[in-house]
Amino acid sequence: MEYISTIREISRAFNKYSVEYIFVGGVAVGFHGYVRPSMAANKQYVDKPDIDVWYNPSPANFFKILDAVEELGGNADGKITRLRNATTIDPTKAFIPFKFEDYTLDLLPSIKLPSRFWPCFKRCQTLVSEDVEIKYLSLEDLIADKETEPRDKDKVDIEQLKQILAKRS
C-alpha cells in the first residue's frame, strides 16, 4: 500500500471514531518536508514504515482507538479483545504496537516533549487528503520533542526541520 494511502486509511478510521490523535515521529517529519525511511534502533532502515501516533490517554479515547484499530484489521491476534477485557489497563501508560502487513502502528500515550497532549493538539497541523483530515505535530513541537534526549536519527531530523523552519520565517 502506498504510504500516504496508509496514513489516510488510519486517519479515516480514527476520525470515524472521533479519536483524539496526532501523528508524530517520521510521519510528522515527512509532512513538514523532510522525507526519510523508518529506521530501527540499530540504525538500519526497515522494510515497512513504522507509524507513530500520539493519542490522548483518556479512558474514553483509549477505547475509541481500539474500535478504530479493529476496523483497520488490528485484532487478528486477539490483542484488542484482550485489551478491552483487561481490568487493570492504564491508558496513560499503554504503549501499544500493532503489526500490519504493510506497516507497524505504534500508539503512544506520551512522547518525549514535556508538553501535554491538549496544548499540542491545539497547535497541530491538519492536512486534508481526499477529504480525510490528517493531524500531525506542529513543526515547533516536533523540533522540541526531538531535542529532548535526541537519538542520532533525531539529530539529523532536527537539523533538517530547523532549516525548514528558517525558510518559513
Protein backbone atom coordinates (compact mmCIF):
# COMPACT_ATOMS: atom_id res chain seq x y z
CA MET A 1 0.00 0.00 0.00
CA GLU A 2 1.26 3.49 -0.80
CA TYR A 3 2.47 5.39 2.29
CA ILE A 4 0.05 8.34 2.06
CA SER A 5 -2.80 5.88 1.43
CA THR A 6 -1.85 4.09 4.65
CA ILE A 7 -1.82 7.35 6.63
CA ARG A 8 -5.16 8.31 5.08
CA GLU A 9 -6.66 4.89 5.93
CA ILE A 10 -5.55 5.19 9.57
CA SER A 11 -6.83 8.78 9.81
CA ARG A 12 -10.15 7.84 8.24
CA ALA A 13 -10.71 5.13 10.86
CA PHE A 14 -9.54 7.36 13.73
CA ASN A 15 -11.73 10.24 12.55
CA LYS A 16 -14.75 7.94 12.17
CA TYR A 17 -14.49 7.01 15.86
CA SER A 18 -13.60 10.59 16.94
CA VAL A 19 -10.20 9.51 18.24
CA GLU A 20 -8.08 12.36 19.62
CA TYR A 21 -4.69 11.74 18.00
CA ILE A 22 -1.65 13.34 16.37
CA PHE A 23 0.84 11.71 14.01
CA VAL A 24 4.36 12.18 15.37
CA GLY A 25 7.82 10.85 14.51
CA GLY A 26 8.77 10.18 10.91
CA VAL A 27 5.24 10.78 9.60
CA ALA A 28 5.22 14.31 11.03
CA VAL A 29 8.79 14.88 9.85
CA GLY A 30 7.71 13.91 6.33
CA PHE A 31 4.63 16.12 6.34
CA HIS A 32 6.85 19.06 7.28
CA GLY A 33 9.02 18.43 4.22
CA TYR A 34 11.87 16.09 5.17
CA VAL A 35 11.07 12.60 3.95
CA ARG A 36 13.16 9.70 5.21
CA PRO A 37 12.52 5.96 5.60
CA SER A 38 11.81 4.42 9.00
CA MET A 39 14.94 3.39 10.87
CA ALA A 40 15.38 0.78 13.60
CA ALA A 41 17.34 1.36 16.81
CA ASN A 42 20.36 -0.31 15.17
CA LYS A 43 20.36 2.48 12.53
CA GLN A 44 19.23 0.11 9.77
CA TYR A 45 16.34 1.06 7.52
CA VAL A 46 13.27 -1.12 7.96
CA ASP A 47 11.21 -2.84 5.26
CA LYS A 48 7.89 -1.36 6.25
CA PRO A 49 7.06 2.01 7.75
CA ASP A 50 6.80 2.49 11.48
CA ILE A 51 3.90 4.88 12.06
CA ASP A 52 3.82 6.67 15.41
CA VAL A 53 0.56 8.10 16.74
CA TRP A 54 0.32 10.08 19.98
CA TYR A 55 -3.13 9.71 21.48
CA ASN A 56 -4.98 11.49 24.27
CA PRO A 57 -4.62 8.89 27.04
CA SER A 58 -8.12 9.26 28.47
CA PRO A 59 -10.05 6.02 29.08
CA ALA A 60 -12.82 7.00 26.64
CA ASN A 61 -10.33 7.85 23.88
CA PHE A 62 -8.41 4.64 24.53
CA PHE A 63 -11.48 2.54 23.74
CA LYS A 64 -12.23 4.63 20.64
CA ILE A 65 -8.72 3.81 19.44
CA LEU A 66 -9.36 0.11 19.93
CA ASP A 67 -12.52 0.39 17.81
CA ALA A 68 -10.64 2.21 15.05
CA VAL A 69 -7.68 -0.20 15.04
CA GLU A 70 -10.06 -3.15 15.00
CA GLU A 71 -11.68 -1.67 11.89
CA LEU A 72 -8.20 -1.47 10.32
CA GLY A 73 -7.80 -5.21 10.94
CA GLY A 74 -5.69 -4.99 14.06
CA ASN A 75 -7.43 -7.72 16.07
CA ALA A 76 -6.15 -10.69 14.08
CA ASP A 77 -4.11 -11.89 17.05
CA GLY A 78 -6.81 -11.07 19.62
CA LYS A 79 -4.82 -8.18 21.13
CA ILE A 80 -7.76 -5.74 21.01
CA THR A 81 -10.07 -8.26 22.63
CA ARG A 82 -7.53 -8.79 25.43
CA LEU A 83 -7.12 -5.03 25.91
CA ARG A 84 -10.89 -4.50 26.06
CA ASN A 85 -11.23 -7.28 28.65
CA ALA A 86 -8.28 -6.19 30.79
CA THR A 87 -9.33 -4.92 34.20
CA THR A 88 -6.13 -3.05 35.05
CA ILE A 89 -5.27 -1.18 31.85
CA ASP A 90 -3.89 2.33 32.39
CA PRO A 91 -4.24 4.34 29.16
CA THR A 92 -1.60 6.82 30.39
CA LYS A 93 0.99 4.03 30.28
CA ALA A 94 -0.34 1.91 27.41
CA PHE A 95 2.22 1.93 24.58
CA ILE A 96 0.64 -0.44 22.07
CA PRO A 97 2.30 -1.66 18.86
CA PHE A 98 0.19 -3.25 16.13
CA LYS A 99 1.86 -5.10 13.27
CA PHE A 100 0.03 -4.96 9.96
CA GLU A 101 1.14 -6.48 6.67
CA ASP A 102 2.40 -3.18 5.22
CA TYR A 103 3.28 -1.16 8.35
CA THR A 104 3.67 -1.12 12.11
CA LEU A 105 1.37 1.20 14.07
CA ASP A 106 2.74 2.37 17.42
CA LEU A 107 0.16 4.01 19.68
CA LEU A 108 1.86 6.29 22.20
CA PRO A 109 0.22 7.72 25.35
CA SER A 110 3.08 10.23 25.64
CA ILE A 111 6.12 11.49 23.76
CA LYS A 112 9.41 12.99 24.99
CA LEU A 113 8.10 16.55 24.68
CA PRO A 114 7.31 17.86 28.17
CA SER A 115 4.08 19.47 26.94
CA ARG A 116 0.79 17.66 27.47
CA PHE A 117 -1.41 16.34 24.68
CA TRP A 118 -4.08 19.08 24.55
CA PRO A 119 -1.82 22.12 24.05
CA CYS A 120 -0.04 20.23 21.25
CA PHE A 121 -3.35 19.09 19.77
CA LYS A 122 -4.49 22.72 19.59
CA ARG A 123 -1.27 23.63 17.75
CA CYS A 124 -1.13 20.58 15.47
CA GLN A 125 -1.22 20.86 11.69
CA THR A 126 -4.03 19.42 9.63
CA LEU A 127 -3.65 18.16 6.08
CA VAL A 128 -6.72 17.23 4.06
CA SER A 129 -6.10 14.40 1.59
CA GLU A 130 -9.02 13.05 -0.43
CA ASP A 131 -11.47 14.54 2.10
CA VAL A 132 -9.69 12.92 5.07
CA GLU A 133 -8.25 15.14 7.80
CA ILE A 134 -4.77 14.05 8.89
CA LYS A 135 -3.46 15.63 12.09
CA TYR A 136 0.27 15.86 12.77
CA LEU A 137 2.53 17.56 15.30
CA SER A 138 3.40 21.21 14.64
CA LEU A 139 6.91 21.93 13.39
CA GLU A 140 7.92 23.75 16.58
CA ASP A 141 6.60 20.97 18.84
CA LEU A 142 8.23 18.32 16.64
CA ILE A 143 11.63 20.03 16.91
CA ALA A 144 11.20 20.42 20.69
CA ASP A 145 10.23 16.74 21.02
CA LYS A 146 13.24 15.58 19.02
CA GLU A 147 15.58 17.87 21.01
CA THR A 148 14.56 16.07 24.21
CA GLU A 149 17.06 13.21 24.56
CA PRO A 150 17.87 13.07 20.82
CA ARG A 151 19.00 9.86 19.16
CA ASP A 152 21.35 10.00 16.16
CA LYS A 153 18.47 9.96 13.68
CA ASP A 154 16.73 12.71 15.69
CA LYS A 155 19.81 14.92 15.34
CA VAL A 156 19.59 14.68 11.55
CA ASP A 157 15.83 15.33 11.70
CA ILE A 158 16.39 18.38 13.95
CA GLU A 159 18.91 19.86 11.52
CA GLN A 160 16.58 19.36 8.55
CA LEU A 161 13.50 20.61 10.43
CA LYS A 162 15.29 23.75 11.63
CA GLN A 163 16.25 24.53 8.02
CA ILE A 164 12.59 24.15 7.03
CA LEU A 165 11.54 26.40 9.94
CA ALA A 166 14.11 29.04 8.92
CA LYS A 167 12.76 29.06 5.35
CA ARG A 168 9.22 29.61 6.65
CA SER A 169 10.25 32.58 8.83
